[in-house]
N, C-alpha and C. Protein backbone atom coordinates (compact mmCIF):
# COMPACT_ATOMS: atom_id res chain seq x y z
N MET A 1 86.43 162.69 155.65
CA MET A 1 87.03 161.52 156.24
C MET A 1 86.45 160.24 155.64
N LEU A 2 85.15 160.19 155.48
CA LEU A 2 84.53 158.99 154.89
C LEU A 2 85.01 158.78 153.46
N GLN A 3 85.09 159.84 152.69
CA GLN A 3 85.53 159.72 151.31
C GLN A 3 86.99 159.29 151.22
N ALA A 4 87.77 159.60 152.26
CA ALA A 4 89.17 159.21 152.28
C ALA A 4 89.36 157.76 152.74
N GLY A 5 88.26 157.13 153.19
CA GLY A 5 88.33 155.72 153.57
C GLY A 5 88.29 155.43 155.06
N HIS A 6 88.25 156.45 155.90
CA HIS A 6 88.17 156.22 157.34
C HIS A 6 86.81 155.59 157.66
N ARG A 7 86.80 154.58 158.53
CA ARG A 7 85.55 153.87 158.78
C ARG A 7 85.19 153.70 160.24
N VAL A 8 86.00 154.15 161.19
CA VAL A 8 85.68 154.01 162.61
C VAL A 8 85.48 155.40 163.20
N PHE A 9 84.30 155.63 163.76
CA PHE A 9 83.95 156.93 164.31
C PHE A 9 83.29 156.77 165.68
N GLY A 10 83.46 157.76 166.52
CA GLY A 10 82.81 157.79 167.82
C GLY A 10 81.86 158.96 167.89
N GLU A 11 80.79 158.76 168.62
CA GLU A 11 79.81 159.82 168.86
C GLU A 11 79.52 159.90 170.35
N ASN A 12 79.33 161.12 170.83
CA ASN A 12 79.03 161.34 172.24
C ASN A 12 77.55 161.27 172.55
N ARG A 13 76.72 161.58 171.58
CA ARG A 13 75.28 161.72 171.86
C ARG A 13 74.44 160.88 170.88
N VAL A 14 73.55 160.09 171.44
CA VAL A 14 72.70 159.22 170.64
C VAL A 14 71.86 160.04 169.67
N GLN A 15 71.25 161.10 170.17
CA GLN A 15 70.34 161.91 169.34
C GLN A 15 71.06 162.50 168.13
N GLU A 16 72.26 163.05 168.34
CA GLU A 16 73.02 163.62 167.23
C GLU A 16 73.40 162.54 166.22
N ALA A 17 73.79 161.39 166.72
CA ALA A 17 74.16 160.28 165.84
C ALA A 17 72.97 159.82 165.01
N MET A 18 71.80 159.78 165.62
CA MET A 18 70.59 159.36 164.90
C MET A 18 70.28 160.30 163.74
N ALA A 19 70.62 161.57 163.91
CA ALA A 19 70.32 162.55 162.87
C ALA A 19 71.23 162.43 161.66
N LYS A 20 72.46 161.94 161.83
CA LYS A 20 73.38 161.95 160.70
C LYS A 20 73.86 160.59 160.22
N TRP A 21 73.95 159.58 161.10
CA TRP A 21 74.64 158.36 160.70
C TRP A 21 73.83 157.34 159.91
N PRO A 22 72.53 157.20 160.07
CA PRO A 22 71.84 156.17 159.27
C PRO A 22 72.08 156.32 157.77
N SER A 23 71.97 157.53 157.26
CA SER A 23 72.19 157.71 155.81
C SER A 23 73.66 157.54 155.45
N LEU A 24 74.55 158.01 156.31
CA LEU A 24 75.99 157.86 156.03
C LEU A 24 76.39 156.39 156.03
N LYS A 25 75.87 155.62 156.99
CA LYS A 25 76.21 154.19 157.05
C LYS A 25 75.70 153.45 155.81
N SER A 26 74.57 153.89 155.28
CA SER A 26 74.07 153.22 154.08
C SER A 26 74.89 153.58 152.84
N ARG A 27 75.47 154.78 152.82
CA ARG A 27 76.27 155.22 151.67
C ARG A 27 77.73 154.76 151.75
N TYR A 28 78.22 154.50 152.95
CA TYR A 28 79.63 154.13 153.14
C TYR A 28 79.72 152.79 153.86
N PRO A 29 79.80 151.71 153.12
CA PRO A 29 79.87 150.38 153.73
C PRO A 29 81.08 150.24 154.65
N GLY A 30 80.90 149.47 155.69
CA GLY A 30 82.01 149.17 156.59
C GLY A 30 82.21 150.17 157.71
N VAL A 31 81.35 151.17 157.83
CA VAL A 31 81.48 152.13 158.92
C VAL A 31 81.21 151.41 160.24
N GLU A 32 82.06 151.68 161.22
CA GLU A 32 81.87 151.16 162.58
C GLU A 32 81.66 152.36 163.49
N LEU A 33 80.52 152.41 164.12
CA LEU A 33 80.14 153.56 164.93
C LEU A 33 80.16 153.18 166.41
N HIS A 34 80.92 153.96 167.19
CA HIS A 34 81.06 153.73 168.63
C HIS A 34 80.30 154.81 169.40
N LEU A 35 79.54 154.41 170.41
CA LEU A 35 78.97 155.37 171.35
C LEU A 35 79.99 155.53 172.47
N ILE A 36 80.54 156.73 172.59
CA ILE A 36 81.56 156.99 173.59
C ILE A 36 81.07 157.96 174.66
N GLY A 37 79.84 158.44 174.51
CA GLY A 37 79.24 159.31 175.51
C GLY A 37 78.26 158.53 176.37
N PRO A 38 77.76 159.17 177.41
CA PRO A 38 76.85 158.48 178.34
C PRO A 38 75.57 158.03 177.65
N LEU A 39 75.05 156.90 178.12
CA LEU A 39 73.81 156.35 177.58
C LEU A 39 72.74 156.41 178.64
N GLN A 40 71.58 156.93 178.26
CA GLN A 40 70.41 156.92 179.14
C GLN A 40 69.57 155.71 178.75
N SER A 41 68.92 155.11 179.73
CA SER A 41 68.16 153.88 179.46
C SER A 41 67.05 154.11 178.43
N ASN A 42 66.48 155.32 178.37
CA ASN A 42 65.42 155.57 177.39
C ASN A 42 65.95 155.70 175.96
N LYS A 43 67.29 155.65 175.79
CA LYS A 43 67.90 155.69 174.45
C LYS A 43 68.52 154.34 174.08
N ALA A 44 68.29 153.32 174.89
CA ALA A 44 68.88 152.00 174.62
C ALA A 44 68.39 151.44 173.28
N LYS A 45 67.13 151.61 172.96
CA LYS A 45 66.58 151.10 171.71
C LYS A 45 67.34 151.68 170.51
N GLU A 46 67.51 152.99 170.50
CA GLU A 46 68.20 153.66 169.41
C GLU A 46 69.68 153.28 169.38
N ALA A 47 70.29 153.18 170.56
CA ALA A 47 71.71 152.85 170.63
C ALA A 47 71.98 151.45 170.07
N VAL A 48 71.17 150.48 170.44
CA VAL A 48 71.36 149.11 169.94
C VAL A 48 71.14 149.07 168.43
N ALA A 49 70.17 149.83 167.94
CA ALA A 49 69.87 149.83 166.50
C ALA A 49 70.97 150.47 165.67
N LEU A 50 71.64 151.49 166.20
CA LEU A 50 72.57 152.28 165.39
C LEU A 50 74.04 151.97 165.63
N PHE A 51 74.44 151.79 166.86
CA PHE A 51 75.87 151.69 167.18
C PHE A 51 76.37 150.26 167.04
N ASP A 52 77.61 150.15 166.61
CA ASP A 52 78.28 148.86 166.50
C ASP A 52 79.01 148.51 167.79
N VAL A 53 79.39 149.55 168.53
CA VAL A 53 80.08 149.39 169.81
C VAL A 53 79.50 150.42 170.78
N ILE A 54 79.15 149.98 171.98
CA ILE A 54 78.69 150.88 173.04
C ILE A 54 79.73 150.79 174.15
N GLU A 55 80.47 151.88 174.34
CA GLU A 55 81.61 151.88 175.26
C GLU A 55 81.25 152.36 176.66
N THR A 56 79.98 152.62 176.94
CA THR A 56 79.63 153.28 178.19
C THR A 56 78.59 152.52 179.02
N VAL A 57 78.76 151.22 179.11
CA VAL A 57 77.90 150.43 180.00
C VAL A 57 78.44 150.66 181.40
N ASP A 58 77.62 151.27 182.26
CA ASP A 58 78.17 151.72 183.54
C ASP A 58 77.29 151.48 184.77
N ARG A 59 76.12 150.86 184.59
CA ARG A 59 75.26 150.61 185.75
C ARG A 59 74.22 149.55 185.39
N PRO A 60 73.68 148.90 186.41
CA PRO A 60 72.71 147.83 186.15
C PRO A 60 71.51 148.26 185.30
N LYS A 61 71.01 149.46 185.50
CA LYS A 61 69.85 149.92 184.73
C LYS A 61 70.15 149.93 183.23
N ILE A 62 71.35 150.36 182.87
CA ILE A 62 71.76 150.39 181.46
C ILE A 62 71.95 148.97 180.95
N ALA A 63 72.59 148.12 181.75
CA ALA A 63 72.81 146.72 181.35
C ALA A 63 71.47 146.03 181.10
N ARG A 64 70.51 146.26 181.98
CA ARG A 64 69.18 145.65 181.84
C ARG A 64 68.49 146.16 180.56
N ALA A 65 68.56 147.47 180.32
CA ALA A 65 67.91 148.05 179.13
C ALA A 65 68.58 147.54 177.85
N LEU A 66 69.88 147.45 177.85
CA LEU A 66 70.59 146.93 176.66
C LEU A 66 70.26 145.46 176.43
N ALA A 67 70.21 144.67 177.49
CA ALA A 67 69.88 143.25 177.35
C ALA A 67 68.50 143.08 176.74
N ALA A 68 67.54 143.88 177.18
CA ALA A 68 66.17 143.79 176.65
C ALA A 68 66.14 144.17 175.17
N GLU A 69 66.85 145.21 174.79
CA GLU A 69 66.86 145.65 173.39
C GLU A 69 67.62 144.69 172.49
N ILE A 70 68.71 144.14 172.99
CA ILE A 70 69.46 143.16 172.20
C ILE A 70 68.59 141.95 171.92
N GLU A 71 67.87 141.51 172.93
CA GLU A 71 66.94 140.37 172.77
C GLU A 71 65.84 140.72 171.78
N LYS A 72 65.28 141.89 171.91
CA LYS A 72 64.16 142.33 171.06
C LYS A 72 64.58 142.51 169.60
N GLN A 73 65.73 143.15 169.40
CA GLN A 73 66.16 143.49 168.04
C GLN A 73 66.98 142.39 167.37
N GLY A 74 67.52 141.49 168.17
CA GLY A 74 68.38 140.47 167.58
C GLY A 74 69.68 141.03 167.02
N ARG A 75 70.06 142.19 167.49
CA ARG A 75 71.30 142.86 167.04
C ARG A 75 72.19 143.00 168.27
N ARG A 76 73.46 142.63 168.15
CA ARG A 76 74.34 142.66 169.30
C ARG A 76 75.56 143.53 169.06
N PRO A 77 75.48 144.80 169.47
CA PRO A 77 76.69 145.62 169.39
C PRO A 77 77.70 145.12 170.42
N ARG A 78 78.97 145.35 170.15
CA ARG A 78 79.99 145.02 171.16
C ARG A 78 79.81 145.99 172.33
N LEU A 79 80.02 145.46 173.53
CA LEU A 79 79.78 146.25 174.74
C LEU A 79 81.06 146.38 175.56
N LEU A 80 81.31 147.60 176.04
CA LEU A 80 82.44 147.88 176.92
C LEU A 80 81.91 148.47 178.21
N VAL A 81 82.49 148.06 179.32
CA VAL A 81 82.14 148.63 180.62
C VAL A 81 83.02 149.85 180.84
N GLN A 82 82.39 150.96 181.18
CA GLN A 82 83.14 152.18 181.49
C GLN A 82 83.53 152.14 182.96
N VAL A 83 84.84 152.29 183.20
CA VAL A 83 85.38 152.29 184.56
C VAL A 83 85.81 153.70 184.91
N ASN A 84 85.32 154.21 186.01
CA ASN A 84 85.67 155.54 186.49
C ASN A 84 86.93 155.40 187.35
N THR A 85 88.08 155.31 186.68
CA THR A 85 89.34 155.00 187.36
C THR A 85 89.72 156.03 188.41
N GLY A 86 89.28 157.26 188.24
CA GLY A 86 89.57 158.32 189.21
C GLY A 86 88.51 158.45 190.27
N GLU A 87 87.46 157.64 190.16
CA GLU A 87 86.31 157.69 191.09
C GLU A 87 85.81 159.13 191.27
N GLU A 88 85.71 159.83 190.13
CA GLU A 88 85.23 161.21 190.15
C GLU A 88 83.71 161.23 190.21
N PRO A 89 83.13 161.96 191.15
CA PRO A 89 81.67 161.95 191.30
C PRO A 89 80.92 162.52 190.09
N GLN A 90 81.54 163.42 189.33
CA GLN A 90 80.87 164.03 188.19
C GLN A 90 80.93 163.16 186.93
N LYS A 91 81.70 162.07 186.98
CA LYS A 91 81.85 161.21 185.81
C LYS A 91 81.10 159.91 185.97
N ALA A 92 80.65 159.41 184.83
CA ALA A 92 80.00 158.10 184.80
C ALA A 92 81.06 157.02 184.91
N GLY A 93 80.62 155.82 185.15
CA GLY A 93 81.52 154.69 185.19
C GLY A 93 81.46 153.96 186.51
N VAL A 94 81.85 152.71 186.45
CA VAL A 94 81.89 151.85 187.62
C VAL A 94 83.19 152.13 188.37
N ALA A 95 83.13 152.20 189.68
CA ALA A 95 84.35 152.38 190.47
C ALA A 95 85.23 151.14 190.34
N PRO A 96 86.53 151.31 190.29
CA PRO A 96 87.42 150.15 190.11
C PRO A 96 87.17 148.98 191.06
N PRO A 97 86.91 149.22 192.36
CA PRO A 97 86.68 148.07 193.23
C PRO A 97 85.42 147.27 192.88
N GLU A 98 84.48 147.88 192.15
CA GLU A 98 83.25 147.20 191.76
C GLU A 98 83.28 146.66 190.33
N ALA A 99 84.34 146.94 189.60
CA ALA A 99 84.38 146.61 188.17
C ALA A 99 84.25 145.12 187.90
N ASP A 100 85.03 144.29 188.62
CA ASP A 100 84.97 142.85 188.37
C ASP A 100 83.58 142.31 188.62
N ARG A 101 82.96 142.72 189.73
CA ARG A 101 81.62 142.24 190.08
C ARG A 101 80.61 142.71 189.03
N PHE A 102 80.71 143.96 188.58
CA PHE A 102 79.76 144.47 187.59
C PHE A 102 79.90 143.73 186.27
N ILE A 103 81.13 143.48 185.85
CA ILE A 103 81.34 142.74 184.60
C ILE A 103 80.72 141.35 184.72
N GLN A 104 80.93 140.69 185.86
CA GLN A 104 80.36 139.36 186.08
C GLN A 104 78.83 139.42 186.09
N ASP A 105 78.26 140.43 186.74
CA ASP A 105 76.80 140.59 186.76
C ASP A 105 76.25 140.81 185.35
N CYS A 106 76.96 141.62 184.55
CA CYS A 106 76.51 141.84 183.17
C CYS A 106 76.44 140.51 182.42
N ARG A 107 77.42 139.67 182.66
CA ARG A 107 77.46 138.36 181.99
C ARG A 107 76.39 137.42 182.54
N ASP A 108 76.38 137.25 183.86
CA ASP A 108 75.53 136.23 184.48
C ASP A 108 74.08 136.67 184.64
N GLU A 109 73.88 137.86 185.18
CA GLU A 109 72.52 138.33 185.48
C GLU A 109 71.79 138.84 184.24
N PHE A 110 72.51 139.56 183.38
CA PHE A 110 71.86 140.18 182.23
C PHE A 110 72.12 139.46 180.91
N GLY A 111 72.99 138.47 180.92
CA GLY A 111 73.28 137.70 179.71
C GLY A 111 74.00 138.47 178.64
N LEU A 112 74.75 139.48 179.02
CA LEU A 112 75.46 140.31 178.05
C LEU A 112 76.86 139.77 177.81
N GLN A 113 77.31 139.90 176.58
CA GLN A 113 78.70 139.60 176.27
C GLN A 113 79.47 140.91 176.38
N ILE A 114 80.34 140.99 177.36
CA ILE A 114 81.17 142.18 177.54
C ILE A 114 82.49 141.93 176.82
N ASP A 115 82.83 142.84 175.91
CA ASP A 115 84.01 142.67 175.08
C ASP A 115 85.21 143.47 175.55
N GLY A 116 84.98 144.45 176.44
CA GLY A 116 86.10 145.27 176.85
C GLY A 116 85.75 146.27 177.92
N VAL A 117 86.72 147.16 178.18
CA VAL A 117 86.57 148.22 179.17
C VAL A 117 87.03 149.54 178.56
N MET A 118 86.56 150.63 179.17
CA MET A 118 86.90 151.98 178.72
C MET A 118 87.08 152.87 179.93
N CYS A 119 87.98 153.85 179.83
CA CYS A 119 88.11 154.85 180.90
C CYS A 119 88.50 156.20 180.33
N ILE A 120 88.24 157.21 181.13
CA ILE A 120 88.69 158.58 180.86
C ILE A 120 89.31 159.07 182.17
N PRO A 121 90.65 159.13 182.25
CA PRO A 121 91.30 159.55 183.49
C PRO A 121 90.95 160.99 183.87
N PRO A 122 91.12 161.34 185.13
CA PRO A 122 90.87 162.72 185.56
C PRO A 122 91.76 163.71 184.82
N ALA A 123 91.18 164.82 184.43
CA ALA A 123 91.95 165.88 183.76
C ALA A 123 93.01 166.40 184.72
N GLY A 124 94.18 166.66 184.19
CA GLY A 124 95.24 167.23 185.01
C GLY A 124 96.04 166.22 185.81
N GLU A 125 95.66 164.96 185.76
CA GLU A 125 96.42 163.91 186.46
C GLU A 125 97.24 163.12 185.45
N ASN A 126 98.30 162.51 185.93
CA ASN A 126 99.08 161.60 185.11
C ASN A 126 98.15 160.44 184.71
N PRO A 127 97.94 160.21 183.43
CA PRO A 127 97.01 159.16 183.03
C PRO A 127 97.57 157.74 183.18
N ALA A 128 98.89 157.60 183.28
CA ALA A 128 99.51 156.28 183.28
C ALA A 128 98.96 155.34 184.36
N PRO A 129 98.83 155.76 185.62
CA PRO A 129 98.29 154.82 186.62
C PRO A 129 96.85 154.40 186.30
N HIS A 130 96.07 155.28 185.71
CA HIS A 130 94.69 154.95 185.35
C HIS A 130 94.67 153.93 184.21
N PHE A 131 95.54 154.13 183.22
CA PHE A 131 95.63 153.20 182.10
C PHE A 131 96.13 151.84 182.57
N ALA A 132 97.13 151.83 183.46
CA ALA A 132 97.64 150.56 183.99
C ALA A 132 96.54 149.81 184.76
N LEU A 133 95.76 150.54 185.54
CA LEU A 133 94.66 149.94 186.30
C LEU A 133 93.63 149.32 185.35
N LEU A 134 93.26 150.05 184.30
CA LEU A 134 92.26 149.53 183.36
C LEU A 134 92.78 148.27 182.66
N THR A 135 94.06 148.26 182.31
CA THR A 135 94.65 147.09 181.68
C THR A 135 94.59 145.88 182.60
N LYS A 136 94.82 146.09 183.89
CA LYS A 136 94.73 144.99 184.87
C LYS A 136 93.30 144.48 184.98
N ILE A 137 92.33 145.38 185.00
CA ILE A 137 90.92 144.97 185.08
C ILE A 137 90.56 144.15 183.85
N ALA A 138 91.00 144.59 182.68
CA ALA A 138 90.73 143.85 181.44
C ALA A 138 91.35 142.45 181.51
N ALA A 139 92.57 142.36 181.96
CA ALA A 139 93.25 141.06 182.03
C ALA A 139 92.55 140.12 182.99
N ARG A 140 92.17 140.62 184.17
CA ARG A 140 91.49 139.78 185.17
C ARG A 140 90.18 139.22 184.65
N ASN A 141 89.53 139.96 183.74
CA ASN A 141 88.21 139.58 183.24
C ASN A 141 88.25 139.01 181.83
N ASP A 142 89.45 138.74 181.34
CA ASP A 142 89.65 138.15 180.02
C ASP A 142 88.96 138.96 178.92
N LEU A 143 89.21 140.27 178.93
CA LEU A 143 88.60 141.18 177.96
C LEU A 143 89.63 141.64 176.94
N ALA A 144 89.26 141.58 175.67
CA ALA A 144 90.20 141.87 174.59
C ALA A 144 90.30 143.36 174.25
N ILE A 145 89.24 144.13 174.49
CA ILE A 145 89.23 145.54 174.07
C ILE A 145 89.51 146.44 175.26
N ILE A 146 90.49 147.32 175.10
CA ILE A 146 90.82 148.31 176.13
C ILE A 146 90.82 149.67 175.44
N SER A 147 89.76 150.43 175.69
CA SER A 147 89.59 151.75 175.07
C SER A 147 90.01 152.81 176.08
N MET A 148 91.16 153.40 175.82
CA MET A 148 91.68 154.43 176.73
C MET A 148 92.63 155.31 175.95
N GLY A 149 92.70 156.54 176.36
CA GLY A 149 93.57 157.49 175.70
C GLY A 149 92.81 158.35 174.71
N MET A 150 93.12 159.62 174.77
CA MET A 150 92.51 160.58 173.85
C MET A 150 93.63 161.37 173.19
N SER A 151 93.28 162.41 172.49
CA SER A 151 94.26 163.14 171.68
C SER A 151 95.51 163.53 172.45
N ALA A 152 95.39 163.92 173.70
CA ALA A 152 96.53 164.40 174.47
C ALA A 152 97.39 163.29 175.07
N ASP A 153 96.84 162.08 175.22
CA ASP A 153 97.58 161.05 175.94
C ASP A 153 97.54 159.67 175.27
N PHE A 154 97.21 159.63 174.00
CA PHE A 154 97.05 158.33 173.34
C PHE A 154 98.35 157.54 173.25
N MET A 155 99.49 158.22 173.19
CA MET A 155 100.76 157.50 173.12
C MET A 155 101.02 156.72 174.42
N ILE A 156 100.74 157.35 175.55
CA ILE A 156 100.89 156.66 176.84
C ILE A 156 99.93 155.49 176.90
N ALA A 157 98.69 155.71 176.45
CA ALA A 157 97.68 154.65 176.46
C ALA A 157 98.13 153.47 175.61
N ALA A 158 98.68 153.75 174.44
CA ALA A 158 99.14 152.68 173.56
C ALA A 158 100.27 151.88 174.22
N GLN A 159 101.17 152.58 174.89
CA GLN A 159 102.28 151.90 175.58
C GLN A 159 101.78 151.01 176.71
N LEU A 160 100.63 151.35 177.29
CA LEU A 160 100.10 150.60 178.43
C LEU A 160 98.98 149.63 178.06
N GLY A 161 98.82 149.36 176.75
CA GLY A 161 97.91 148.29 176.36
C GLY A 161 96.63 148.67 175.65
N ALA A 162 96.44 149.95 175.33
CA ALA A 162 95.20 150.34 174.64
C ALA A 162 95.06 149.60 173.31
N THR A 163 93.87 149.14 173.04
CA THR A 163 93.56 148.58 171.72
C THR A 163 92.77 149.59 170.90
N HIS A 164 92.15 150.56 171.57
CA HIS A 164 91.38 151.62 170.93
C HIS A 164 91.74 152.94 171.62
N VAL A 165 91.92 154.00 170.83
CA VAL A 165 92.12 155.34 171.37
C VAL A 165 91.10 156.27 170.71
N ARG A 166 90.80 157.36 171.39
CA ARG A 166 89.80 158.31 170.89
C ARG A 166 90.53 159.63 170.61
N VAL A 167 90.75 159.92 169.33
CA VAL A 167 91.56 161.07 168.95
C VAL A 167 90.79 162.06 168.07
N GLY A 168 89.52 162.18 168.32
CA GLY A 168 88.68 163.05 167.51
C GLY A 168 89.12 164.49 167.47
N SER A 169 89.46 165.07 168.62
CA SER A 169 89.83 166.49 168.60
C SER A 169 91.16 166.73 167.88
N ALA A 170 92.05 165.73 167.86
CA ALA A 170 93.29 165.88 167.10
C ALA A 170 93.02 165.89 165.60
N ILE A 171 91.96 165.23 165.19
CA ILE A 171 91.61 165.16 163.77
C ILE A 171 90.65 166.27 163.37
N PHE A 172 89.59 166.45 164.16
CA PHE A 172 88.51 167.36 163.79
C PHE A 172 88.58 168.72 164.49
N GLY A 173 89.45 168.89 165.48
CA GLY A 173 89.50 170.10 166.28
C GLY A 173 88.55 170.00 167.46
N ALA A 174 88.60 170.98 168.32
CA ALA A 174 87.76 170.98 169.51
C ALA A 174 86.30 171.02 169.11
N ARG A 175 85.50 170.29 169.87
CA ARG A 175 84.06 170.26 169.62
C ARG A 175 83.46 171.61 169.98
N LYS A 176 82.61 172.11 169.12
CA LYS A 176 81.94 173.37 169.40
C LYS A 176 80.85 173.15 170.44
N SER A 177 80.82 174.00 171.40
CA SER A 177 79.78 173.95 172.41
C SER A 177 78.53 174.60 171.86
N VAL A 178 77.39 174.24 172.44
CA VAL A 178 76.14 174.89 172.03
C VAL A 178 76.18 176.38 172.39
N TYR A 179 77.13 176.76 173.25
CA TYR A 179 77.25 178.15 173.66
C TYR A 179 78.21 178.94 172.77
N ASP A 180 78.97 178.23 171.91
CA ASP A 180 79.87 178.92 170.98
C ASP A 180 79.05 179.62 169.91
N GLU A 181 79.51 180.76 169.48
CA GLU A 181 78.79 181.47 168.42
C GLU A 181 79.47 181.30 167.10
């Protein structure tokens, strides 16, 4: 993909990205690397150093850790707030009723520039209402980036305002689990 000219990639795990992307980014100018998986506060240093976009800002502890690292490193990746549009307990993200307040707190309390929002709708549900909700949250907060939609539903996401879609499995196939042989 890199040799063919593709330059925007997403990674789910900071540790895996640290193992492969520093050398690739130095060999292939213009690569934009997005963190699309959950971020732990103890990985904020590495995330700020490596990623160009962090799509999973989802709680004050992460916002605080990112603010400290951005200040320390003088490097500012674009930041997206992850909204848990389905309010699923097993998923990360800010609940929709708290999204506006959290975005404002990120700006005012932590001094972060929030550039957009991201969501992953519940599996098995119609994604359209979730995408419409995220688009409304983005509009209310004057956010330009709306990251929603994956390989199975990116067309619906695009119709409802997505500026970024995540289609890795359509390109690379299903991710192998550590349990796959």
